[in-house]
Amino acid sequence: MKVLITGCHGLLGQRLVKYAPPGCDVVATDVHKDSQFIRAEIYRPCDLTVRDAVINLIDTVQPNDIINAAAFTDVDGAEEQRDLCWLVNVIAMENLVQAARRVHADIYHVSTDYIFNGENGPYREDDTPNPLGFYGQSKLAAEQVLKGSPLNFTIARTMVLYGVSENNRPEFVGWLIKKLRNNEPVHIVTDQIGNTTLNDDLARALWKLVRRSYHGVVHIAGREILSRYDFALKIANVFNLNVSLINPITTADFRQKAPRPLKSGLNVDKAIHTLGLVLSDVEGGLRKYKALIENS
């Protein structure tokens, strides 16, 4: 089995490389020229927005499967950099599909709860999308490109991804820990509801799907649904930090550029009960994260 992992320097991509199963021939790609912390012998730089570059890479690698963890994920930035967001999230998918058709590769693509409007969550796999902002629109368009192709594919939707990685901007948990350890007060929204997802859980789950050649749409996220504020309180408790520094606020008070789905969340019954994937509850995920930090 030869698998191409895109976005290998990202929060998810790094863990996909780490948890590749024994005997799997992995090739990792990202836009950076240097492999950084990915083993040089498996790294191939590629800009997924350039069609000829993608075709050349996939013709050379000849993968059986492609796990697409590359994405433009700056939700507010997407409103101001629409062309770039569309290039990275949609045009890159079109390029991957065209190249994958040449070698008959299957695609495993990571999507998001932002394809829903957040009025009636938690959402099941077959619920009707209706994104609020441009980021969600681009991710939905990428799904539609894949669904309209003749390829075997899997779409794995997730949300609020956190975990250990190198050289990336701090995700929510890492950011909050740093703030509270510096004795800085923070304001966290009480009205954004959803799952939280450890990157290790998502990476391991994706590899299980690849090994089974599972195709379809599946929601892969943490087992519990809660507000960002309640998540912050759990983080403080697990890491023995000062809960009193966490102040409740509403999304409207933040006046962010992009609208957020508020009553969101992903129903993960299919992942757990049908596919047997192992997904952590909130405290379990945070304790895994803490152990990784302490042992690194």
Protein backbone atom coordinates (compact mmCIF):
# COMPACT_ATOMS: atom_id res chain seq x y z
CA MET A 1 0.00 0.00 0.00
CA LYS A 2 1.43 3.36 -1.07
CA VAL A 3 -0.24 6.43 0.43
CA LEU A 4 0.32 10.11 -0.38
CA ILE A 5 -0.36 12.50 2.54
CA THR A 6 -0.94 16.13 1.60
CA GLY A 7 -0.57 19.00 4.07
CA CYS A 8 1.98 16.93 5.99
CA HIS A 9 3.32 19.91 7.97
CA GLY A 10 -0.09 20.72 9.44
CA LEU A 11 -1.74 19.90 12.74
CA LEU A 12 -3.28 16.73 11.29
CA GLY A 13 -0.73 15.94 8.61
CA GLN A 14 2.13 15.52 11.05
CA ARG A 15 0.20 12.92 13.04
CA LEU A 16 -0.87 11.09 9.89
CA VAL A 17 2.81 10.64 9.06
CA LYS A 18 3.57 9.55 12.63
CA TYR A 19 0.83 6.91 12.77
CA ALA A 20 1.31 5.38 9.33
CA PRO A 21 0.84 1.61 9.75
CA PRO A 22 3.81 -0.75 9.47
CA GLY A 23 4.49 -1.81 5.91
CA CYS A 24 2.75 1.24 4.43
CA ASP A 25 4.85 3.12 1.87
CA VAL A 26 4.21 6.78 2.75
CA VAL A 27 5.02 9.83 0.67
CA ALA A 28 4.39 13.19 2.35
CA THR A 29 3.90 16.51 0.57
CA ASP A 30 3.44 20.17 1.45
CA VAL A 31 4.05 23.50 -0.23
CA HIS A 32 7.36 24.16 1.57
CA LYS A 33 10.57 23.38 -0.31
CA ASP A 34 12.25 21.89 2.76
CA SER A 35 10.99 18.84 4.61
CA GLN A 36 11.50 20.58 7.99
CA PHE A 37 10.67 17.86 10.54
CA ILE A 38 9.32 15.28 8.05
CA ARG A 39 11.87 12.62 7.06
CA ALA A 40 13.60 13.86 3.92
CA GLU A 41 13.43 10.47 2.20
CA ILE A 42 9.61 10.49 2.16
CA TYR A 43 9.08 14.21 1.48
CA ARG A 44 8.14 15.66 -1.91
CA PRO A 45 7.35 19.40 -2.10
CA CYS A 46 4.32 20.33 -4.20
CA ASP A 47 1.99 23.30 -4.59
CA LEU A 48 -1.42 21.65 -4.92
CA THR A 49 -2.85 24.74 -6.62
CA VAL A 50 -0.59 24.13 -9.67
CA ARG A 51 -2.17 21.40 -11.78
CA ASP A 52 0.94 20.31 -13.67
CA ALA A 53 2.87 20.00 -10.40
CA VAL A 54 0.17 17.81 -8.88
CA ILE A 55 -0.04 15.59 -11.96
CA ASN A 56 3.73 15.21 -12.03
CA LEU A 57 3.84 14.30 -8.32
CA ILE A 58 1.09 11.71 -8.50
CA ASP A 59 2.35 10.23 -11.78
CA THR A 60 5.74 9.81 -10.09
CA VAL A 61 4.51 8.47 -6.75
CA GLN A 62 1.73 6.23 -8.14
CA PRO A 63 -0.19 6.11 -4.83
CA ASN A 64 -3.01 3.70 -4.11
CA ASP A 65 -4.58 6.23 -1.74
CA ILE A 66 -4.35 9.98 -1.13
CA ILE A 67 -5.16 11.45 2.29
CA ASN A 68 -5.86 15.14 1.74
CA ALA A 69 -5.11 17.04 4.95
CA ALA A 70 -4.15 20.26 3.14
CA ALA A 71 -6.50 23.21 3.57
CA PHE A 72 -6.90 26.95 4.01
CA THR A 73 -8.36 26.99 7.54
CA ASP A 74 -8.30 30.66 8.57
CA VAL A 75 -12.04 31.25 8.89
CA ASP A 76 -11.83 35.04 9.18
CA GLY A 77 -8.98 35.26 6.68
CA ALA A 78 -11.13 33.46 4.13
CA GLU A 79 -13.48 36.45 4.01
CA GLU A 80 -10.58 38.74 3.02
CA GLN A 81 -8.52 36.30 0.95
CA ARG A 82 -11.25 34.60 -1.03
CA ASP A 83 -9.15 33.89 -4.10
CA LEU A 84 -6.43 32.19 -2.05
CA CYS A 85 -8.96 30.24 0.00
CA TRP A 86 -10.67 28.98 -3.17
CA LEU A 87 -7.34 28.04 -4.72
CA VAL A 88 -6.21 25.99 -1.73
CA ASN A 89 -9.54 24.38 -0.87
CA VAL A 90 -11.24 23.92 -4.24
CA ILE A 91 -8.80 24.24 -7.15
CA ALA A 92 -6.36 22.00 -5.32
CA MET A 93 -9.11 19.39 -4.98
CA GLU A 94 -9.86 19.62 -8.69
CA ASN A 95 -6.16 19.07 -9.39
CA LEU A 96 -5.96 16.10 -7.03
CA VAL A 97 -9.03 14.51 -8.62
CA GLN A 98 -7.67 14.91 -12.14
CA ALA A 99 -4.28 13.47 -11.15
CA ALA A 100 -5.78 10.66 -9.07
CA ARG A 101 -7.90 9.53 -12.03
CA ARG A 102 -4.72 8.88 -14.00
CA VAL A 103 -3.45 6.34 -11.46
CA HIS A 104 -6.83 5.12 -10.12
CA ALA A 105 -6.08 6.33 -6.58
CA ASP A 106 -8.75 6.65 -3.86
CA ILE A 107 -9.04 9.98 -2.03
CA TYR A 108 -9.65 10.42 1.71
CA HIS A 109 -10.54 14.08 2.25
CA VAL A 110 -10.89 16.02 5.51
CA SER A 111 -13.82 18.44 5.68
CA THR A 112 -15.57 20.48 8.37
CA ASP A 113 -18.74 21.23 10.30
CA TYR A 114 -18.60 24.73 8.74
CA ILE A 115 -20.50 23.37 5.73
CA PHE A 116 -23.57 23.56 8.03
CA ASN A 117 -25.22 26.75 9.30
CA GLY A 118 -25.25 25.77 12.97
CA GLU A 119 -28.98 26.10 13.54
CA ASN A 120 -29.89 22.45 14.09
CA GLY A 121 -26.79 20.59 15.24
CA PRO A 122 -25.52 18.06 15.94
CA TYR A 123 -25.50 17.07 12.27
CA ARG A 124 -25.59 13.63 10.69
CA GLU A 125 -23.70 12.73 7.54
CA ASP A 126 -26.74 13.09 5.27
CA ASP A 127 -28.02 16.42 6.64
CA THR A 128 -28.31 19.26 4.11
CA PRO A 129 -25.34 21.66 4.05
CA ASN A 130 -25.87 25.42 4.17
CA PRO A 131 -22.59 27.22 4.97
CA LEU A 132 -22.66 30.71 6.46
CA GLY A 133 -19.24 32.03 5.44
CA PHE A 134 -16.77 31.74 2.59
CA TYR A 135 -14.58 29.18 4.33
CA GLY A 136 -17.55 26.82 4.68
CA GLN A 137 -18.58 27.52 1.10
CA SER A 138 -15.13 26.56 -0.17
CA LYS A 139 -15.06 23.34 1.87
CA LEU A 140 -18.52 22.39 0.61
CA ALA A 141 -17.41 23.09 -2.96
CA ALA A 142 -14.42 20.77 -2.44
CA GLU A 143 -16.78 18.03 -1.25
CA GLN A 144 -18.93 18.54 -4.34
CA VAL A 145 -15.89 18.25 -6.62
CA LEU A 146 -15.05 14.92 -5.03
CA LYS A 147 -18.64 13.64 -5.08
CA GLY A 148 -18.91 14.56 -8.76
CA SER A 149 -15.81 12.57 -9.68
CA PRO A 150 -15.67 8.89 -10.71
CA LEU A 151 -13.19 8.14 -7.92
CA ASN A 152 -13.66 6.06 -4.81
CA PHE A 153 -13.61 8.59 -1.99
CA THR A 154 -14.15 9.21 1.69
CA ILE A 155 -15.13 12.56 3.20
CA ALA A 156 -14.30 12.79 6.91
CA ARG A 157 -15.81 15.86 8.55
CA THR A 158 -14.32 17.07 11.81
CA MET A 159 -14.24 20.19 14.00
CA VAL A 160 -12.24 22.09 16.67
CA LEU A 161 -9.04 20.16 16.05
CA TYR A 162 -6.33 20.38 18.70
CA GLY A 163 -3.20 18.50 19.66
CA VAL A 164 0.56 18.34 19.54
CA SER A 165 2.43 19.53 16.42
CA GLU A 166 5.64 21.31 15.52
CA ASN A 167 6.07 24.82 14.07
CA ASN A 168 2.34 25.55 13.81
CA ARG A 169 0.36 28.41 15.28
CA PRO A 170 -1.11 27.43 18.67
CA GLU A 171 -4.46 25.67 18.44
CA PHE A 172 -7.18 26.54 20.97
CA VAL A 173 -5.96 24.30 23.79
CA GLY A 174 -2.31 25.31 23.46
CA TRP A 175 -3.27 28.99 23.22
CA LEU A 176 -5.47 28.82 26.34
CA ILE A 177 -2.86 26.97 28.40
CA LYS A 178 -0.24 29.61 27.55
CA LYS A 179 -2.59 32.46 28.47
CA LEU A 180 -3.62 30.95 31.79
CA ARG A 181 -0.05 30.01 32.74
CA ASN A 182 0.89 33.66 32.13
CA ASN A 183 -1.97 34.67 34.43
CA GLU A 184 -3.76 36.47 31.57
CA PRO A 185 -7.55 36.71 31.58
CA VAL A 186 -9.36 35.35 28.52
CA HIS A 187 -12.85 35.73 27.07
CA ILE A 188 -14.42 32.54 25.70
CA VAL A 189 -17.76 32.26 23.91
CA THR A 190 -20.63 30.46 25.57
CA ASP A 191 -22.86 30.19 22.49
CA GLN A 192 -20.68 28.18 20.09
CA ILE A 193 -21.55 24.53 20.63
CA GLY A 194 -19.85 21.49 19.15
CA ASN A 195 -17.36 18.64 19.44
CA THR A 196 -13.66 18.99 20.14
CA THR A 197 -11.25 16.64 18.37
CA LEU A 198 -7.78 15.41 19.29
CA ASN A 199 -5.59 15.27 16.18
CA ASP A 200 -4.19 11.87 17.21
CA ASP A 201 -7.72 10.40 17.33
CA LEU A 202 -8.52 11.76 13.87
CA ALA A 203 -5.23 10.55 12.37
CA ARG A 204 -5.62 7.03 13.75
CA ALA A 205 -9.26 6.89 12.60
CA LEU A 206 -8.35 7.95 9.07
CA TRP A 207 -5.70 5.24 8.85
CA LYS A 208 -8.28 2.65 9.91
CA LEU A 209 -10.56 3.78 7.08
CA VAL A 210 -7.71 3.62 4.57
CA ARG A 211 -6.72 0.11 5.66
CA ARG A 212 -10.33 -1.04 5.31
CA SER A 213 -10.79 0.76 1.97
CA TYR A 214 -13.90 2.37 3.45
CA HIS A 215 -15.66 4.82 1.14
CA GLY A 216 -18.41 7.29 1.99
CA VAL A 217 -19.07 10.24 4.28
CA VAL A 218 -18.36 9.98 8.00
CA HIS A 219 -18.18 12.40 10.90
CA ILE A 220 -15.03 11.94 13.00
CA ALA A 221 -14.83 14.14 16.08
CA GLY A 222 -14.80 13.89 19.86
CA ARG A 223 -17.61 11.97 21.53
CA GLU A 224 -19.03 14.92 23.50
CA ILE A 225 -20.70 18.18 22.51
CA LEU A 226 -20.25 21.29 24.64
CA SER A 227 -19.70 25.05 24.45
CA ARG A 228 -16.25 26.55 23.91
CA TYR A 229 -16.58 28.10 27.37
CA ASP A 230 -17.23 24.74 29.02
CA PHE A 231 -14.35 23.27 27.02
CA ALA A 232 -12.08 26.00 28.37
CA LEU A 233 -13.13 25.19 31.93
CA LYS A 234 -12.29 21.51 31.37
CA ILE A 235 -8.88 22.47 29.96
CA ALA A 236 -8.15 24.55 33.05
CA ASN A 237 -9.17 21.71 35.35
CA VAL A 238 -7.12 19.04 33.56
CA PHE A 239 -4.02 21.26 33.50
CA ASN A 240 -4.58 22.64 37.03
CA LEU A 241 -4.88 26.24 35.87
CA ASN A 242 -6.82 29.20 37.25
CA VAL A 243 -10.45 28.85 36.14
CA SER A 244 -11.32 32.33 37.41
CA LEU A 245 -9.30 33.85 34.53
CA ILE A 246 -11.85 32.48 32.04
CA ASN A 247 -14.65 34.95 31.37
CA PRO A 248 -17.84 34.16 29.42
CA ILE A 249 -18.71 36.19 26.34
CA THR A 250 -21.03 35.80 23.33
CA THR A 251 -20.03 35.46 19.69
CA ALA A 252 -21.78 38.74 18.86
CA ASP A 253 -19.51 40.57 21.31
CA PHE A 254 -16.41 39.47 19.34
CA ARG A 255 -17.56 41.00 16.03
CA GLN A 256 -15.52 38.55 13.98
CA LYS A 257 -15.33 38.95 10.21
CA ALA A 258 -16.79 35.54 9.42
CA PRO A 259 -20.09 34.23 10.79
CA ARG A 260 -19.84 31.11 12.96
CA PRO A 261 -22.23 28.17 13.12
CA LEU A 262 -23.43 28.37 16.73
CA LYS A 263 -25.53 25.31 17.54
CA SER A 264 -23.26 23.01 15.59
CA GLY A 265 -21.69 19.66 16.40
CA LEU A 266 -21.25 16.44 14.47
CA ASN A 267 -23.15 13.26 15.27
CA VAL A 268 -20.48 10.55 15.47
CA ASP A 269 -22.73 7.50 15.92
CA LYS A 270 -21.72 6.11 12.53
CA ALA A 271 -18.00 6.43 13.32
CA ILE A 272 -18.31 4.75 16.71
CA HIS A 273 -21.07 2.18 16.32
CA THR A 274 -20.90 1.27 12.63
CA LEU A 275 -17.19 1.69 11.89
CA GLY A 276 -15.84 0.99 15.38
CA LEU A 277 -13.56 4.02 15.45
CA VAL A 278 -12.05 5.02 18.80
CA LEU A 279 -12.92 8.62 19.71
CA SER A 280 -12.17 10.30 23.02
CA ASP A 281 -14.52 12.15 25.31
CA VAL A 282 -13.42 15.68 26.25
CA GLU A 283 -11.48 14.85 29.40
CA GLY A 284 -9.96 11.74 27.84
CA GLY A 285 -8.70 13.71 24.85
CA LEU A 286 -7.22 16.41 27.06
CA ARG A 287 -5.45 13.87 29.24
CA LYS A 288 -3.91 12.25 26.16
CA TYR A 289 -2.78 15.70 25.03
CA LYS A 290 -1.30 16.43 28.45
CA ALA A 291 0.61 13.15 28.45
CA LEU A 292 2.05 13.89 25.02
CA ILE A 293 3.23 17.33 26.14
CA GLU A 294 4.79 15.99 29.34
CA ASN A 295 6.59 13.17 27.49
CA SER A 296 7.87 15.27 24.60
